[in-house]
Amino acid sequence: MENFQWEIFDSINNACNVTAAVGFAAFSRYALYGTHTLQLLLNKGISESGLEVVLHKSQKIVGHFKHSPANVAELKLQQSQMKMTEEVLIQDVPTRWNSTLQMT
């Protein structure tokens, strides 16, 4: 399989974090390109679906609380007074897979 060349693989600029994450396992270079291509497809799908607007608003809300300990304390107080489970806000980080899903 290593001798088999596809032009698409030559045109993809693979991300360093994907290379490092998969580098510990016995994957071929095609698996690296596949994971990066999958990430690019997911990003494209999010931007074309209209979810980008919702995600941007979510990022602003979470960012507001992450930069203000006083607001985090107020959020915890409000959750406690309303007898809600205290939820921790998760910030979306592009290099941390699944963080977008966890943020929403």
N, C-alpha and C. Protein backbone atom coordinates (compact mmCIF):
# COMPACT_ATOMS: atom_id res chain seq x y z
N MET A 1 0.83 -1.20 0.00
CA MET A 1 0.00 0.00 0.00
C MET A 1 0.86 1.25 0.00
N GLU A 2 2.08 1.18 0.55
CA GLU A 2 2.94 2.35 0.61
C GLU A 2 3.35 2.85 -0.78
N ASN A 3 3.44 1.95 -1.74
CA ASN A 3 3.84 2.34 -3.09
C ASN A 3 2.69 2.98 -3.86
N PHE A 4 1.49 2.85 -3.37
CA PHE A 4 0.31 3.39 -4.05
C PHE A 4 0.22 4.88 -3.78
N GLN A 5 0.18 5.70 -4.83
CA GLN A 5 0.15 7.15 -4.68
C GLN A 5 -1.17 7.72 -5.17
N TRP A 6 -1.78 8.56 -4.36
CA TRP A 6 -2.97 9.31 -4.76
C TRP A 6 -2.59 10.78 -4.76
N GLU A 7 -2.98 11.49 -5.78
CA GLU A 7 -2.64 12.90 -5.87
C GLU A 7 -3.20 13.72 -4.72
N ILE A 8 -4.36 13.34 -4.22
CA ILE A 8 -4.99 14.12 -3.14
C ILE A 8 -4.11 14.16 -1.90
N PHE A 9 -3.38 13.08 -1.61
CA PHE A 9 -2.54 13.05 -0.43
C PHE A 9 -1.36 14.01 -0.54
N ASP A 10 -0.90 14.23 -1.75
CA ASP A 10 0.22 15.15 -1.94
C ASP A 10 -0.20 16.60 -1.76
N SER A 11 -1.49 16.89 -1.90
CA SER A 11 -1.94 18.29 -1.81
C SER A 11 -2.44 18.67 -0.42
N ILE A 12 -2.49 17.73 0.50
CA ILE A 12 -3.01 18.02 1.85
C ILE A 12 -1.84 18.39 2.77
N ASN A 13 -1.98 19.50 3.46
CA ASN A 13 -0.98 19.93 4.43
C ASN A 13 -1.43 19.41 5.79
N ASN A 14 -0.80 18.37 6.29
CA ASN A 14 -1.25 17.72 7.51
C ASN A 14 -0.90 18.54 8.75
N ALA A 15 -1.80 18.58 9.72
CA ALA A 15 -1.60 19.35 10.96
C ALA A 15 -0.62 18.62 11.88
N CYS A 16 0.22 19.38 12.56
CA CYS A 16 1.24 18.80 13.43
C CYS A 16 0.63 18.02 14.59
N ASN A 17 -0.47 18.53 15.14
CA ASN A 17 -1.06 17.83 16.29
C ASN A 17 -1.64 16.49 15.89
N VAL A 18 -2.18 16.39 14.68
CA VAL A 18 -2.71 15.10 14.21
C VAL A 18 -1.54 14.15 13.99
N THR A 19 -0.47 14.65 13.40
CA THR A 19 0.71 13.82 13.18
C THR A 19 1.25 13.29 14.50
N ALA A 20 1.33 14.15 15.51
CA ALA A 20 1.86 13.74 16.81
C ALA A 20 0.94 12.73 17.49
N ALA A 21 -0.37 12.95 17.39
CA ALA A 21 -1.33 12.06 18.05
C ALA A 21 -1.30 10.67 17.44
N VAL A 22 -1.21 10.59 16.15
CA VAL A 22 -1.24 9.30 15.48
C VAL A 22 0.15 8.69 15.41
N GLY A 23 1.18 9.50 15.58
CA GLY A 23 2.56 9.03 15.48
C GLY A 23 2.92 7.95 16.48
N PHE A 24 2.20 7.87 17.58
CA PHE A 24 2.48 6.86 18.59
C PHE A 24 1.96 5.49 18.20
N ALA A 25 1.07 5.42 17.27
CA ALA A 25 0.50 4.16 16.83
C ALA A 25 1.15 3.73 15.52
N ALA A 26 0.89 2.50 15.15
CA ALA A 26 1.49 1.96 13.93
C ALA A 26 0.58 2.20 12.73
N PHE A 27 0.33 3.47 12.41
CA PHE A 27 -0.51 3.83 11.27
C PHE A 27 0.36 4.23 10.09
N SER A 28 -0.16 4.01 8.92
CA SER A 28 0.55 4.48 7.74
C SER A 28 0.30 5.97 7.57
N ARG A 29 1.00 6.58 6.67
CA ARG A 29 0.81 8.01 6.45
C ARG A 29 -0.57 8.29 5.88
N TYR A 30 -1.21 7.30 5.28
CA TYR A 30 -2.55 7.50 4.73
C TYR A 30 -3.58 7.69 5.83
N ALA A 31 -3.36 7.07 6.97
CA ALA A 31 -4.26 7.28 8.11
C ALA A 31 -4.14 8.71 8.61
N LEU A 32 -2.93 9.26 8.58
CA LEU A 32 -2.74 10.66 8.99
C LEU A 32 -3.52 11.59 8.08
N TYR A 33 -3.40 11.39 6.80
CA TYR A 33 -4.12 12.23 5.84
C TYR A 33 -5.62 12.05 5.99
N GLY A 34 -6.05 10.83 6.28
CA GLY A 34 -7.48 10.56 6.45
C GLY A 34 -8.07 11.29 7.63
N THR A 35 -7.36 11.29 8.76
CA THR A 35 -7.89 11.98 9.94
C THR A 35 -7.93 13.48 9.73
N HIS A 36 -6.90 14.01 9.09
CA HIS A 36 -6.88 15.45 8.84
C HIS A 36 -7.98 15.84 7.84
N THR A 37 -8.17 15.01 6.82
CA THR A 37 -9.22 15.26 5.84
C THR A 37 -10.59 15.22 6.50
N LEU A 38 -10.79 14.27 7.41
CA LEU A 38 -12.05 14.19 8.14
C LEU A 38 -12.29 15.47 8.94
N GLN A 39 -11.25 15.99 9.59
CA GLN A 39 -11.38 17.22 10.36
C GLN A 39 -11.75 18.39 9.44
N LEU A 40 -11.12 18.46 8.27
CA LEU A 40 -11.43 19.52 7.32
C LEU A 40 -12.89 19.41 6.84
N LEU A 41 -13.36 18.19 6.62
CA LEU A 41 -14.74 17.99 6.19
C LEU A 41 -15.73 18.42 7.27
N LEU A 42 -15.43 18.08 8.52
CA LEU A 42 -16.30 18.48 9.63
C LEU A 42 -16.37 20.00 9.75
N ASN A 43 -15.22 20.65 9.65
CA ASN A 43 -15.20 22.11 9.73
C ASN A 43 -16.00 22.73 8.59
N LYS A 44 -15.87 22.19 7.40
CA LYS A 44 -16.61 22.69 6.24
C LYS A 44 -18.11 22.48 6.43
N GLY A 45 -18.50 21.31 6.95
CA GLY A 45 -19.91 21.03 7.20
C GLY A 45 -20.51 21.97 8.22
N ILE A 46 -19.77 22.27 9.27
CA ILE A 46 -20.25 23.20 10.29
C ILE A 46 -20.44 24.59 9.70
N SER A 47 -19.48 25.03 8.91
CA SER A 47 -19.58 26.39 8.35
C SER A 47 -20.71 26.51 7.33
N GLU A 48 -20.99 25.45 6.59
CA GLU A 48 -22.04 25.52 5.57
C GLU A 48 -23.45 25.21 6.10
N SER A 49 -23.54 24.68 7.31
CA SER A 49 -24.84 24.30 7.85
C SER A 49 -25.55 25.42 8.60
N GLY A 50 -24.86 26.50 8.89
CA GLY A 50 -25.45 27.57 9.67
C GLY A 50 -25.17 27.43 11.16
N LEU A 51 -24.53 26.34 11.56
CA LEU A 51 -24.19 26.15 12.97
C LEU A 51 -23.10 27.11 13.43
N GLU A 52 -22.37 27.67 12.49
CA GLU A 52 -21.28 28.57 12.83
C GLU A 52 -21.76 29.76 13.67
N VAL A 53 -22.97 30.27 13.37
CA VAL A 53 -23.52 31.41 14.11
C VAL A 53 -23.79 31.00 15.57
N VAL A 54 -24.39 29.84 15.75
CA VAL A 54 -24.69 29.34 17.11
C VAL A 54 -23.40 29.08 17.87
N LEU A 55 -22.43 28.47 17.21
CA LEU A 55 -21.16 28.18 17.86
C LEU A 55 -20.44 29.47 18.26
N HIS A 56 -20.50 30.48 17.41
CA HIS A 56 -19.84 31.76 17.73
C HIS A 56 -20.47 32.38 18.98
N LYS A 57 -21.80 32.34 19.06
CA LYS A 57 -22.48 32.89 20.24
C LYS A 57 -22.12 32.09 21.49
N SER A 58 -22.07 30.77 21.35
CA SER A 58 -21.70 29.91 22.49
C SER A 58 -20.28 30.21 22.94
N GLN A 59 -19.37 30.40 21.98
CA GLN A 59 -17.99 30.71 22.32
C GLN A 59 -17.88 32.04 23.07
N LYS A 60 -18.68 33.02 22.67
CA LYS A 60 -18.65 34.32 23.36
C LYS A 60 -19.17 34.19 24.80
N ILE A 61 -20.24 33.42 24.98
CA ILE A 61 -20.80 33.24 26.32
C ILE A 61 -19.80 32.53 27.23
N VAL A 62 -19.25 31.41 26.75
CA VAL A 62 -18.30 30.65 27.55
C VAL A 62 -17.05 31.50 27.81
N GLY A 63 -16.58 32.22 26.80
CA GLY A 63 -15.41 33.08 26.97
C GLY A 63 -15.64 34.16 28.02
N HIS A 64 -16.86 34.71 28.07
CA HIS A 64 -17.20 35.72 29.07
C HIS A 64 -17.01 35.17 30.48
N PHE A 65 -17.50 33.96 30.71
CA PHE A 65 -17.38 33.37 32.04
C PHE A 65 -15.96 32.91 32.34
N LYS A 66 -15.24 32.42 31.34
CA LYS A 66 -13.86 31.95 31.56
C LYS A 66 -12.92 33.10 31.92
N HIS A 67 -13.26 34.33 31.54
CA HIS A 67 -12.39 35.46 31.83
C HIS A 67 -12.82 36.25 33.07
N SER A 68 -13.83 35.77 33.79
CA SER A 68 -14.30 36.52 34.95
C SER A 68 -14.65 35.57 36.10
N PRO A 69 -13.78 35.46 37.09
CA PRO A 69 -14.06 34.62 38.25
C PRO A 69 -15.34 35.07 38.99
N ALA A 70 -15.61 36.35 38.98
CA ALA A 70 -16.82 36.84 39.64
C ALA A 70 -18.07 36.31 38.94
N ASN A 71 -18.05 36.28 37.62
CA ASN A 71 -19.21 35.76 36.88
C ASN A 71 -19.36 34.25 37.07
N VAL A 72 -18.25 33.54 37.17
CA VAL A 72 -18.31 32.09 37.43
C VAL A 72 -18.94 31.85 38.80
N ALA A 73 -18.54 32.65 39.79
CA ALA A 73 -19.11 32.51 41.13
C ALA A 73 -20.61 32.81 41.11
N GLU A 74 -21.02 33.83 40.37
CA GLU A 74 -22.44 34.17 40.26
C GLU A 74 -23.22 33.06 39.56
N LEU A 75 -22.63 32.47 38.53
CA LEU A 75 -23.27 31.35 37.84
C LEU A 75 -23.49 30.17 38.78
N LYS A 76 -22.47 29.85 39.56
CA LYS A 76 -22.59 28.75 40.53
C LYS A 76 -23.65 29.06 41.57
N LEU A 77 -23.71 30.30 42.03
CA LEU A 77 -24.71 30.71 43.01
C LEU A 77 -26.12 30.57 42.43
N GLN A 78 -26.29 31.03 41.20
CA GLN A 78 -27.61 30.92 40.55
C GLN A 78 -28.02 29.47 40.34
N GLN A 79 -27.08 28.63 39.95
CA GLN A 79 -27.37 27.21 39.76
C GLN A 79 -27.77 26.58 41.10
N SER A 80 -27.07 26.96 42.15
CA SER A 80 -27.37 26.43 43.48
C SER A 80 -28.75 26.88 43.96
N GLN A 81 -29.07 28.16 43.79
CA GLN A 81 -30.36 28.69 44.22
C GLN A 81 -31.51 28.07 43.44
N MET A 82 -31.27 27.73 42.20
CA MET A 82 -32.32 27.13 41.37
C MET A 82 -32.34 25.61 41.51
N LYS A 83 -31.50 25.08 42.44
CA LYS A 83 -31.39 23.65 42.68
C LYS A 83 -31.04 22.87 41.41
N MET A 84 -30.14 23.47 40.64
CA MET A 84 -29.65 22.84 39.42
C MET A 84 -28.30 22.20 39.70
N THR A 85 -27.96 21.23 38.91
CA THR A 85 -26.63 20.64 38.99
C THR A 85 -25.62 21.70 38.55
N GLU A 86 -24.55 21.84 39.32
CA GLU A 86 -23.52 22.81 38.95
C GLU A 86 -22.75 22.29 37.75
N GLU A 87 -22.93 22.95 36.64
CA GLU A 87 -22.27 22.56 35.40
C GLU A 87 -21.02 23.42 35.19
N VAL A 88 -19.98 22.82 34.70
CA VAL A 88 -18.76 23.53 34.37
C VAL A 88 -18.80 23.85 32.88
N LEU A 89 -18.50 25.08 32.52
CA LEU A 89 -18.51 25.47 31.12
C LEU A 89 -17.22 24.99 30.45
N ILE A 90 -17.35 24.41 29.29
CA ILE A 90 -16.21 23.91 28.53
C ILE A 90 -16.00 24.81 27.33
N GLN A 91 -14.78 25.28 27.19
CA GLN A 91 -14.45 26.18 26.09
C GLN A 91 -14.03 25.38 24.87
N ASP A 92 -14.48 25.83 23.72
CA ASP A 92 -14.14 25.22 22.45
C ASP A 92 -12.70 25.55 22.08
N VAL A 93 -11.91 24.51 21.84
CA VAL A 93 -10.51 24.68 21.44
C VAL A 93 -10.30 23.88 20.16
N PRO A 94 -9.88 24.52 19.08
CA PRO A 94 -9.77 23.81 17.80
C PRO A 94 -8.88 22.57 17.83
N THR A 95 -7.85 22.57 18.67
CA THR A 95 -6.94 21.43 18.71
C THR A 95 -7.41 20.33 19.66
N ARG A 96 -8.49 20.57 20.39
CA ARG A 96 -9.02 19.55 21.30
C ARG A 96 -10.29 18.99 20.69
N TRP A 97 -10.19 17.82 20.11
CA TRP A 97 -11.33 17.23 19.44
C TRP A 97 -12.46 17.01 20.43
N ASN A 98 -13.66 17.19 20.00
CA ASN A 98 -14.88 17.00 20.77
C ASN A 98 -15.21 18.21 21.66
N SER A 99 -14.34 19.19 21.77
CA SER A 99 -14.62 20.32 22.65
C SER A 99 -15.77 21.17 22.12
N THR A 100 -15.97 21.20 20.81
CA THR A 100 -17.11 21.95 20.25
C THR A 100 -18.41 21.31 20.69
N LEU A 101 -18.48 20.01 20.61
CA LEU A 101 -19.68 19.29 21.06
C LEU A 101 -19.89 19.47 22.56
N GLN A 102 -18.84 19.38 23.34
CA GLN A 102 -18.95 19.53 24.79
C GLN A 102 -19.33 20.95 25.19
N MET A 103 -18.93 21.94 24.41
CA MET A 103 -19.24 23.32 24.72
C MET A 103 -20.75 23.58 24.57
N THR A 104 -21.37 22.99 23.56
CA THR A 104 -22.78 23.24 23.30
C THR A 104 -23.58 22.34 24.18
